[in-house]
Amino acid sequence: MSRHCLVLTLVLGCLSTAASAQHDGGHAEFRNREIKALSAQQTDDLRQGRGMGFSLPAELNGIPGPLHALQLRDRLSVTPAQASDVERIREEMTAAAQRLGASVIQAEADLDQAFRNGTADETFIRAMTTRIGALTADLRAAHLIAHLQTRRLLIDTQLAAYDSAQG
């Protein structure tokens, strides 16, 4: 199975599992979470600045992100100058993603706390979900923009080699 199919299968599996648990009333495992809406893995991914599938539109259309370009540098024949530029893009993306991820975690914690304390009302819920949505959009954009920036540094033969390496 190609890497992209595996990622897509995992994402769909997670969504299916979450939907099934919600439909079946199986919330027991969620109650012990520090932040109810985030698993430990999601929290760690947000803290570390990982992509969490946000970049799939780029990756599945042959546009590598900085991490993959660096991981595949030999197969792509990435020059030292390109590698330096791609590393800079990766560092900037990771810093932005970690900052935004921390903000998502905090906003989810605030929303969770409001429900726990019984202080959640319609105005607060709308404000927090709007904030979480905007932060998540910014986070996804940071990852996708890094893909575009990386793409601009590579030539067509390197992109073809990436596409071949990804299946």
N, C-alpha and C. Protein backbone atom coordinates (compact mmCIF):
# COMPACT_ATOMS: atom_id res chain seq x y z
N MET A 1 0.85 -1.17 0.00
CA MET A 1 0.00 0.00 0.00
C MET A 1 0.89 1.23 0.00
N SER A 2 0.57 2.20 -0.84
CA SER A 2 1.40 3.41 -0.88
C SER A 2 1.25 4.19 0.42
N ARG A 3 2.24 5.00 0.67
CA ARG A 3 2.25 5.80 1.90
C ARG A 3 1.02 6.70 1.97
N HIS A 4 0.65 7.28 0.82
CA HIS A 4 -0.49 8.19 0.80
C HIS A 4 -1.79 7.44 1.10
N CYS A 5 -1.93 6.26 0.56
CA CYS A 5 -3.12 5.46 0.84
C CYS A 5 -3.17 5.09 2.32
N LEU A 6 -2.01 4.77 2.87
CA LEU A 6 -1.94 4.41 4.28
C LEU A 6 -2.35 5.59 5.15
N VAL A 7 -1.84 6.79 4.83
CA VAL A 7 -2.20 7.99 5.60
C VAL A 7 -3.69 8.24 5.50
N LEU A 8 -4.24 8.17 4.30
CA LEU A 8 -5.66 8.39 4.10
C LEU A 8 -6.48 7.35 4.85
N THR A 9 -6.06 6.09 4.81
CA THR A 9 -6.75 5.03 5.53
C THR A 9 -6.73 5.29 7.03
N LEU A 10 -5.59 5.72 7.55
CA LEU A 10 -5.49 6.02 8.99
C LEU A 10 -6.38 7.18 9.38
N VAL A 11 -6.39 8.25 8.57
CA VAL A 11 -7.24 9.40 8.87
C VAL A 11 -8.70 9.00 8.86
N LEU A 12 -9.12 8.28 7.83
CA LEU A 12 -10.51 7.85 7.75
C LEU A 12 -10.86 6.88 8.88
N GLY A 13 -9.92 6.03 9.25
CA GLY A 13 -10.14 5.11 10.36
C GLY A 13 -10.35 5.84 11.66
N CYS A 14 -9.55 6.87 11.89
CA CYS A 14 -9.69 7.67 13.12
C CYS A 14 -11.05 8.36 13.15
N LEU A 15 -11.44 8.94 12.02
CA LEU A 15 -12.73 9.61 11.96
C LEU A 15 -13.87 8.62 12.18
N SER A 16 -13.75 7.44 11.58
CA SER A 16 -14.76 6.42 11.74
C SER A 16 -14.86 5.95 13.18
N THR A 17 -13.71 5.74 13.82
CA THR A 17 -13.69 5.30 15.21
C THR A 17 -14.31 6.35 16.11
N ALA A 18 -13.97 7.62 15.89
CA ALA A 18 -14.53 8.69 16.72
C ALA A 18 -16.03 8.79 16.51
N ALA A 19 -16.47 8.70 15.26
CA ALA A 19 -17.90 8.77 14.97
C ALA A 19 -18.63 7.59 15.58
N SER A 20 -18.04 6.42 15.47
CA SER A 20 -18.66 5.23 16.04
C SER A 20 -18.76 5.33 17.55
N ALA A 21 -17.70 5.80 18.19
CA ALA A 21 -17.72 5.93 19.65
C ALA A 21 -18.79 6.91 20.08
N GLN A 22 -18.93 8.00 19.34
CA GLN A 22 -19.93 8.99 19.69
C GLN A 22 -21.32 8.42 19.46
N HIS A 23 -21.53 7.75 18.36
CA HIS A 23 -22.83 7.19 18.03
C HIS A 23 -23.23 6.12 19.05
N ASP A 24 -22.28 5.31 19.47
CA ASP A 24 -22.58 4.23 20.39
C ASP A 24 -22.59 4.69 21.84
N GLY A 25 -22.35 5.98 22.09
CA GLY A 25 -22.32 6.48 23.45
C GLY A 25 -21.06 6.06 24.18
N GLY A 26 -20.05 5.58 23.46
CA GLY A 26 -18.81 5.11 24.06
C GLY A 26 -17.85 6.24 24.36
N HIS A 27 -18.17 7.04 25.36
CA HIS A 27 -17.33 8.18 25.71
C HIS A 27 -16.43 7.90 26.91
N ALA A 28 -16.48 6.72 27.45
CA ALA A 28 -15.74 6.45 28.69
C ALA A 28 -14.26 6.77 28.56
N GLU A 29 -13.64 6.38 27.46
CA GLU A 29 -12.21 6.61 27.31
C GLU A 29 -11.88 8.10 27.14
N PHE A 30 -12.85 8.90 26.74
CA PHE A 30 -12.63 10.33 26.57
C PHE A 30 -12.67 11.08 27.89
N ARG A 31 -13.39 10.56 28.85
CA ARG A 31 -13.60 11.26 30.13
C ARG A 31 -12.30 11.45 30.91
N ASN A 32 -11.33 10.59 30.71
CA ASN A 32 -10.07 10.68 31.45
C ASN A 32 -9.03 11.57 30.79
N ARG A 33 -9.37 12.13 29.64
CA ARG A 33 -8.44 13.00 28.95
C ARG A 33 -8.29 14.32 29.70
N GLU A 34 -7.09 14.85 29.66
CA GLU A 34 -6.85 16.16 30.26
C GLU A 34 -7.73 17.21 29.58
N ILE A 35 -7.72 17.21 28.25
CA ILE A 35 -8.61 18.06 27.46
C ILE A 35 -9.51 17.11 26.69
N LYS A 36 -10.78 17.13 26.96
CA LYS A 36 -11.69 16.10 26.46
C LYS A 36 -11.70 15.98 24.93
N ALA A 37 -11.54 17.09 24.22
CA ALA A 37 -11.63 17.06 22.76
C ALA A 37 -10.34 16.64 22.08
N LEU A 38 -9.25 16.48 22.85
CA LEU A 38 -7.96 16.14 22.25
C LEU A 38 -7.39 14.87 22.88
N SER A 39 -6.99 13.93 22.04
CA SER A 39 -6.29 12.75 22.53
C SER A 39 -4.87 13.15 22.91
N ALA A 40 -4.20 12.28 23.63
CA ALA A 40 -2.80 12.53 23.98
C ALA A 40 -1.97 12.67 22.71
N GLN A 41 -2.26 11.85 21.70
CA GLN A 41 -1.52 11.93 20.43
C GLN A 41 -1.76 13.26 19.73
N GLN A 42 -3.02 13.71 19.68
CA GLN A 42 -3.31 14.99 19.05
C GLN A 42 -2.61 16.14 19.79
N THR A 43 -2.64 16.09 21.11
CA THR A 43 -1.98 17.13 21.90
C THR A 43 -0.48 17.14 21.62
N ASP A 44 0.12 15.96 21.57
CA ASP A 44 1.56 15.87 21.28
C ASP A 44 1.86 16.37 19.87
N ASP A 45 1.03 15.98 18.90
CA ASP A 45 1.23 16.44 17.52
C ASP A 45 1.15 17.96 17.44
N LEU A 46 0.18 18.55 18.13
CA LEU A 46 0.04 20.01 18.13
C LEU A 46 1.25 20.67 18.79
N ARG A 47 1.71 20.11 19.89
CA ARG A 47 2.89 20.68 20.58
C ARG A 47 4.15 20.59 19.72
N GLN A 48 4.29 19.49 19.01
CA GLN A 48 5.49 19.26 18.20
C GLN A 48 5.44 19.93 16.83
N GLY A 49 4.27 20.41 16.43
CA GLY A 49 4.13 21.06 15.13
C GLY A 49 4.00 20.10 13.97
N ARG A 50 3.54 18.88 14.26
CA ARG A 50 3.39 17.88 13.19
C ARG A 50 2.20 18.21 12.30
N GLY A 51 2.22 17.64 11.10
CA GLY A 51 1.23 17.96 10.07
C GLY A 51 -0.16 17.43 10.29
N MET A 52 -0.31 16.30 10.95
CA MET A 52 -1.61 15.72 11.27
C MET A 52 -2.54 15.57 10.05
N GLY A 53 -1.96 15.37 8.88
CA GLY A 53 -2.76 15.22 7.68
C GLY A 53 -3.19 16.53 7.05
N PHE A 54 -2.79 17.67 7.62
CA PHE A 54 -3.19 18.97 7.09
C PHE A 54 -2.65 19.20 5.68
N SER A 55 -1.56 18.56 5.33
CA SER A 55 -0.90 18.82 4.06
C SER A 55 -1.27 17.85 2.96
N LEU A 56 -2.23 16.99 3.20
CA LEU A 56 -2.58 15.99 2.20
C LEU A 56 -2.92 16.57 0.83
N PRO A 57 -3.62 17.70 0.72
CA PRO A 57 -3.88 18.22 -0.63
C PRO A 57 -2.60 18.49 -1.41
N ALA A 58 -1.57 18.96 -0.73
CA ALA A 58 -0.30 19.20 -1.41
C ALA A 58 0.42 17.89 -1.69
N GLU A 59 0.58 17.07 -0.66
CA GLU A 59 1.33 15.82 -0.80
C GLU A 59 0.75 14.90 -1.85
N LEU A 60 -0.57 14.76 -1.85
CA LEU A 60 -1.20 13.84 -2.79
C LEU A 60 -1.27 14.41 -4.21
N ASN A 61 -0.87 15.66 -4.36
CA ASN A 61 -0.79 16.26 -5.68
C ASN A 61 0.66 16.55 -6.07
N GLY A 62 1.59 15.82 -5.42
CA GLY A 62 2.99 15.86 -5.82
C GLY A 62 3.79 17.06 -5.36
N ILE A 63 3.30 17.77 -4.36
CA ILE A 63 4.02 18.94 -3.84
C ILE A 63 4.61 18.57 -2.49
N PRO A 64 5.92 18.33 -2.44
CA PRO A 64 6.53 17.89 -1.18
C PRO A 64 6.63 19.00 -0.16
N GLY A 65 6.53 18.61 1.09
CA GLY A 65 6.81 19.54 2.16
C GLY A 65 8.29 19.54 2.47
N PRO A 66 8.72 20.45 3.30
CA PRO A 66 10.15 20.54 3.59
C PRO A 66 10.71 19.28 4.25
N LEU A 67 9.96 18.67 5.13
CA LEU A 67 10.47 17.47 5.80
C LEU A 67 10.72 16.35 4.81
N HIS A 68 9.76 16.10 3.92
CA HIS A 68 9.93 15.04 2.93
C HIS A 68 11.05 15.36 1.94
N ALA A 69 11.16 16.63 1.57
CA ALA A 69 12.25 17.01 0.65
C ALA A 69 13.60 16.74 1.29
N LEU A 70 13.70 16.99 2.59
CA LEU A 70 14.97 16.73 3.28
C LEU A 70 15.19 15.24 3.49
N GLN A 71 14.13 14.51 3.82
CA GLN A 71 14.26 13.06 4.01
C GLN A 71 14.66 12.36 2.71
N LEU A 72 14.19 12.90 1.60
CA LEU A 72 14.45 12.29 0.28
C LEU A 72 15.51 13.06 -0.51
N ARG A 73 16.33 13.84 0.17
CA ARG A 73 17.28 14.72 -0.52
C ARG A 73 18.16 13.97 -1.52
N ASP A 74 18.60 12.77 -1.18
CA ASP A 74 19.46 12.03 -2.12
C ASP A 74 18.68 11.58 -3.35
N ARG A 75 17.49 11.05 -3.15
CA ARG A 75 16.66 10.61 -4.29
C ARG A 75 16.24 11.77 -5.17
N LEU A 76 16.07 12.95 -4.55
CA LEU A 76 15.65 14.12 -5.31
C LEU A 76 16.82 14.93 -5.85
N SER A 77 18.03 14.52 -5.49
CA SER A 77 19.24 15.27 -5.88
C SER A 77 19.15 16.73 -5.43
N VAL A 78 18.78 16.92 -4.19
CA VAL A 78 18.68 18.27 -3.63
C VAL A 78 20.10 18.81 -3.45
N THR A 79 20.32 20.01 -3.95
CA THR A 79 21.64 20.64 -3.83
C THR A 79 21.82 21.17 -2.41
N PRO A 80 23.06 21.41 -2.02
CA PRO A 80 23.30 21.99 -0.69
C PRO A 80 22.56 23.32 -0.49
N ALA A 81 22.53 24.16 -1.51
CA ALA A 81 21.82 25.44 -1.40
C ALA A 81 20.32 25.22 -1.21
N GLN A 82 19.76 24.28 -1.99
CA GLN A 82 18.34 23.97 -1.82
C GLN A 82 18.08 23.41 -0.43
N ALA A 83 18.94 22.52 0.03
CA ALA A 83 18.76 21.92 1.35
C ALA A 83 18.77 22.99 2.43
N SER A 84 19.64 23.95 2.31
CA SER A 84 19.70 25.04 3.29
C SER A 84 18.40 25.84 3.29
N ASP A 85 17.89 26.15 2.10
CA ASP A 85 16.64 26.90 1.99
C ASP A 85 15.45 26.08 2.51
N VAL A 86 15.43 24.80 2.19
CA VAL A 86 14.35 23.92 2.64
C VAL A 86 14.40 23.78 4.17
N GLU A 87 15.58 23.68 4.73
CA GLU A 87 15.72 23.59 6.18
C GLU A 87 15.18 24.85 6.85
N ARG A 88 15.45 26.00 6.26
CA ARG A 88 14.93 27.27 6.80
C ARG A 88 13.40 27.26 6.76
N ILE A 89 12.82 26.80 5.65
CA ILE A 89 11.37 26.71 5.53
C ILE A 89 10.82 25.76 6.60
N ARG A 90 11.49 24.62 6.79
CA ARG A 90 11.04 23.66 7.78
C ARG A 90 11.07 24.25 9.18
N GLU A 91 12.14 24.95 9.50
CA GLU A 91 12.26 25.56 10.83
C GLU A 91 11.19 26.61 11.06
N GLU A 92 10.94 27.44 10.06
CA GLU A 92 9.91 28.48 10.18
C GLU A 92 8.53 27.87 10.31
N MET A 93 8.25 26.83 9.50
CA MET A 93 6.96 26.16 9.57
C MET A 93 6.77 25.50 10.93
N THR A 94 7.79 24.82 11.40
CA THR A 94 7.69 24.13 12.69
C THR A 94 7.45 25.13 13.82
N ALA A 95 8.17 26.24 13.81
CA ALA A 95 7.98 27.26 14.85
C ALA A 95 6.55 27.81 14.81
N ALA A 96 6.06 28.12 13.62
CA ALA A 96 4.69 28.63 13.50
C ALA A 96 3.68 27.57 13.93
N ALA A 97 3.90 26.33 13.50
CA ALA A 97 2.97 25.24 13.84
C ALA A 97 2.96 24.98 15.35
N GLN A 98 4.11 25.04 15.98
CA GLN A 98 4.17 24.83 17.43
C GLN A 98 3.46 25.97 18.17
N ARG A 99 3.66 27.18 17.72
CA ARG A 99 2.99 28.33 18.34
C ARG A 99 1.48 28.22 18.17
N LEU A 100 1.04 27.93 16.96
CA LEU A 100 -0.40 27.79 16.70
C LEU A 100 -0.98 26.57 17.41
N GLY A 101 -0.22 25.48 17.43
CA GLY A 101 -0.67 24.28 18.13
C GLY A 101 -0.87 24.53 19.60
N ALA A 102 0.05 25.27 20.22
CA ALA A 102 -0.10 25.61 21.64
C ALA A 102 -1.35 26.45 21.86
N SER A 103 -1.65 27.32 20.92
CA SER A 103 -2.86 28.15 21.03
C SER A 103 -4.12 27.31 20.88
N VAL A 104 -4.09 26.33 19.97
CA VAL A 104 -5.25 25.42 19.83
C VAL A 104 -5.45 24.65 21.13
N ILE A 105 -4.38 24.12 21.68
CA ILE A 105 -4.47 23.37 22.94
C ILE A 105 -5.07 24.25 24.03
N GLN A 106 -4.58 25.48 24.15
CA GLN A 106 -5.08 26.37 25.19
C GLN A 106 -6.56 26.70 24.98
N ALA A 107 -6.94 26.96 23.75
CA ALA A 107 -8.34 27.28 23.46
C ALA A 107 -9.24 26.08 23.76
N GLU A 108 -8.80 24.88 23.39
CA GLU A 108 -9.58 23.67 23.70
C GLU A 108 -9.66 23.48 25.22
N ALA A 109 -8.58 23.76 25.92
CA ALA A 109 -8.58 23.64 27.39
C ALA A 109 -9.55 24.65 28.00
N ASP A 110 -9.57 25.86 27.48
CA ASP A 110 -10.50 26.89 27.98
C ASP A 110 -11.95 26.48 27.75
N LEU A 111 -12.23 25.92 26.58
CA LEU A 111 -13.58 25.46 26.27
C LEU A 111 -13.97 24.31 27.20
N ASP A 112 -13.06 23.37 27.36
CA ASP A 112 -13.29 22.24 28.25
C ASP A 112 -13.55 22.72 29.68
N GLN A 113 -12.73 23.64 30.14
CA GLN A 113 -12.86 24.18 31.51
C GLN A 113 -14.20 24.86 31.72
N ALA A 114 -14.66 25.59 30.71
CA ALA A 114 -15.95 26.27 30.83
C ALA A 114 -17.09 25.27 31.00
N PHE A 115 -17.03 24.17 30.28
CA PHE A 115 -18.05 23.13 30.47
C PHE A 115 -17.90 22.47 31.83
N ARG A 116 -16.67 22.21 32.24
CA ARG A 116 -16.43 21.56 33.53
C ARG A 116 -16.95 22.43 34.68
N ASN A 117 -16.74 23.75 34.56
CA ASN A 117 -17.15 24.68 35.62
C ASN A 117 -18.61 25.12 35.51
N GLY A 118 -19.26 24.76 34.41
CA GLY A 118 -20.65 25.18 34.22
C GLY A 118 -20.79 26.63 33.80
N THR A 119 -19.73 27.21 33.27
CA THR A 119 -19.78 28.62 32.85
C THR A 119 -19.95 28.80 31.35
N ALA A 120 -20.00 27.71 30.60
CA ALA A 120 -20.17 27.82 29.15
C ALA A 120 -21.56 28.34 28.83
N ASP A 121 -21.61 29.35 27.99
CA ASP A 121 -22.88 29.83 27.46
C ASP A 121 -22.74 29.98 25.95
N GLU A 122 -23.84 30.33 25.28
CA GLU A 122 -23.83 30.38 23.83
C GLU A 122 -22.79 31.37 23.28
N THR A 123 -22.66 32.51 23.91
CA THR A 123 -21.70 33.52 23.44
C THR A 123 -20.27 33.00 23.56
N PHE A 124 -19.96 32.43 24.69
CA PHE A 124 -18.61 31.89 24.90
C PHE A 124 -18.32 30.76 23.93
N ILE A 125 -19.28 29.86 23.76
CA ILE A 125 -19.10 28.72 22.85
C ILE A 125 -18.84 29.22 21.43
N ARG A 126 -19.62 30.17 20.97
CA ARG A 126 -19.41 30.71 19.62
C ARG A 126 -18.04 31.37 19.49
N ALA A 127 -17.64 32.12 20.48
CA ALA A 127 -16.34 32.78 20.44
C ALA A 127 -15.21 31.76 20.43
N MET A 128 -15.30 30.75 21.28
CA MET A 128 -14.22 29.77 21.38
C MET A 128 -14.14 28.88 20.15
N THR A 129 -15.29 28.43 19.65
CA THR A 129 -15.24 27.57 18.47
C THR A 129 -14.78 28.35 17.25
N THR A 130 -15.13 29.63 17.18
CA THR A 130 -14.61 30.47 16.10
C THR A 130 -13.10 30.61 16.22
N ARG A 131 -12.62 30.83 17.44
CA ARG A 131 -11.18 30.95 17.67
C ARG A 131 -10.46 29.66 17.32
N ILE A 132 -10.98 28.53 17.78
CA ILE A 132 -10.36 27.24 17.49
C ILE A 132 -10.35 26.98 15.98
N GLY A 133 -11.44 27.30 15.32
CA GLY A 133 -11.50 27.12 13.87
C GLY A 133 -10.48 27.99 13.15
N ALA A 134 -10.35 29.24 13.57
CA ALA A 134 -9.38 30.15 12.94
C ALA A 134 -7.95 29.69 13.19
N LEU A 135 -7.67 29.27 14.42
CA LEU A 135 -6.32 28.78 14.73
C LEU A 135 -5.99 27.53 13.92
N THR A 136 -6.96 26.63 13.81
CA THR A 136 -6.75 25.41 13.04
C THR A 136 -6.53 25.73 11.57
N ALA A 137 -7.29 26.69 11.05
CA ALA A 137 -7.10 27.12 9.65
C ALA A 137 -5.71 27.71 9.46
N ASP A 138 -5.27 28.54 10.39
CA ASP A 138 -3.92 29.12 10.30
C ASP A 138 -2.85 28.03 10.37
N LEU A 139 -3.08 27.05 11.21
CA LEU A 139 -2.13 25.94 11.35
C LEU A 139 -2.04 25.15 10.05
N ARG A 140 -3.18 24.85 9.48
CA ARG A 140 -3.19 24.11 8.21
C ARG A 140 -2.52 24.93 7.11
N ALA A 141 -2.82 26.22 7.08
CA ALA A 141 -2.21 27.10 6.07
C ALA A 141 -0.69 27.13 6.22
N ALA A 142 -0.20 27.15 7.45
CA ALA A 142 1.26 27.17 7.67
C ALA A 142 1.91 25.95 7.04
N HIS A 143 1.28 24.79 7.20
CA HIS A 143 1.83 23.56 6.61
C HIS A 143 1.73 23.59 5.08
N LEU A 144 0.59 23.99 4.57
CA LEU A 144 0.41 24.01 3.12
C LEU A 144 1.30 25.05 2.43
N ILE A 145 1.46 26.20 3.06
CA ILE A 145 2.34 27.24 2.49
C ILE A 145 3.78 26.75 2.45
N ALA A 146 4.20 26.01 3.47
CA ALA A 146 5.56 25.45 3.46
C ALA A 146 5.74 24.50 2.28
N HIS A 147 4.70 23.78 1.91
CA HIS A 147 4.77 22.92 0.73
C HIS A 147 4.97 23.76 -0.52
N LEU A 148 4.21 24.84 -0.65
CA LEU A 148 4.37 25.71 -1.82
C LEU A 148 5.76 26.32 -1.87
N GLN A 149 6.25 26.76 -0.74
CA GLN A 149 7.59 27.35 -0.69
C GLN A 149 8.65 26.32 -1.08
N THR A 150 8.48 25.10 -0.62
CA THR A 150 9.42 24.03 -0.98
C THR A 150 9.33 23.73 -2.47
N ARG A 151 8.13 23.69 -2.99
CA ARG A 151 7.92 23.41 -4.42
C ARG A 151 8.65 24.43 -5.27
N ARG A 152 8.63 25.69 -4.86
CA ARG A 152 9.28 26.76 -5.64
C ARG A 152 10.79 26.58 -5.74
N LEU A 153 11.36 25.86 -4.80
CA LEU A 153 12.81 25.64 -4.79
C LEU A 153 13.25 24.47 -5.66
N LEU A 154 12.31 23.60 -6.00
CA LEU A 154 12.66 22.38 -6.71
C LEU A 154 12.37 22.51 -8.20
N ILE A 155 13.12 21.77 -8.99
CA ILE A 155 12.89 21.75 -10.43
C ILE A 155 12.01 20.55 -10.78
N ASP A 156 11.53 20.54 -12.00
CA ASP A 156 10.57 19.51 -12.42
C ASP A 156 11.09 18.09 -12.23
N THR A 157 12.36 17.85 -12.52
CA THR A 157 12.89 16.47 -12.36
C THR A 157 12.90 16.07 -10.89
N GLN A 158 13.11 17.01 -9.99
CA GLN A 158 13.06 16.69 -8.55
C GLN A 158 11.62 16.39 -8.12
N LEU A 159 10.68 17.13 -8.66
CA LEU A 159 9.27 16.85 -8.34
C LEU A 159 8.85 15.49 -8.88
N ALA A 160 9.32 15.15 -10.07
CA ALA A 160 9.01 13.84 -10.63
C ALA A 160 9.62 12.74 -9.77
N ALA A 161 10.82 12.96 -9.27
CA ALA A 161 11.46 11.98 -8.40
C ALA A 161 10.69 11.86 -7.08
N TYR A 162 10.18 12.97 -6.56
CA TYR A 162 9.35 12.93 -5.34
C TYR A 162 8.08 12.12 -5.59
N ASP A 163 7.43 12.42 -6.69
CA ASP A 163 6.19 11.71 -7.03
C ASP A 163 6.45 10.22 -7.16
N SER A 164 7.54 9.86 -7.78
CA SER A 164 7.92 8.45 -7.92
C SER A 164 8.22 7.82 -6.57
N ALA A 165 8.91 8.54 -5.71
CA ALA A 165 9.26 8.02 -4.38
C ALA A 165 8.02 7.82 -3.52
N GLN A 166 6.99 8.62 -3.74
CA GLN A 166 5.77 8.55 -2.93
C GLN A 166 4.77 7.53 -3.48
N GLY A 167 5.06 6.98 -4.66
CA GLY A 167 4.16 5.96 -5.23
C GLY A 167 3.10 6.59 -6.04
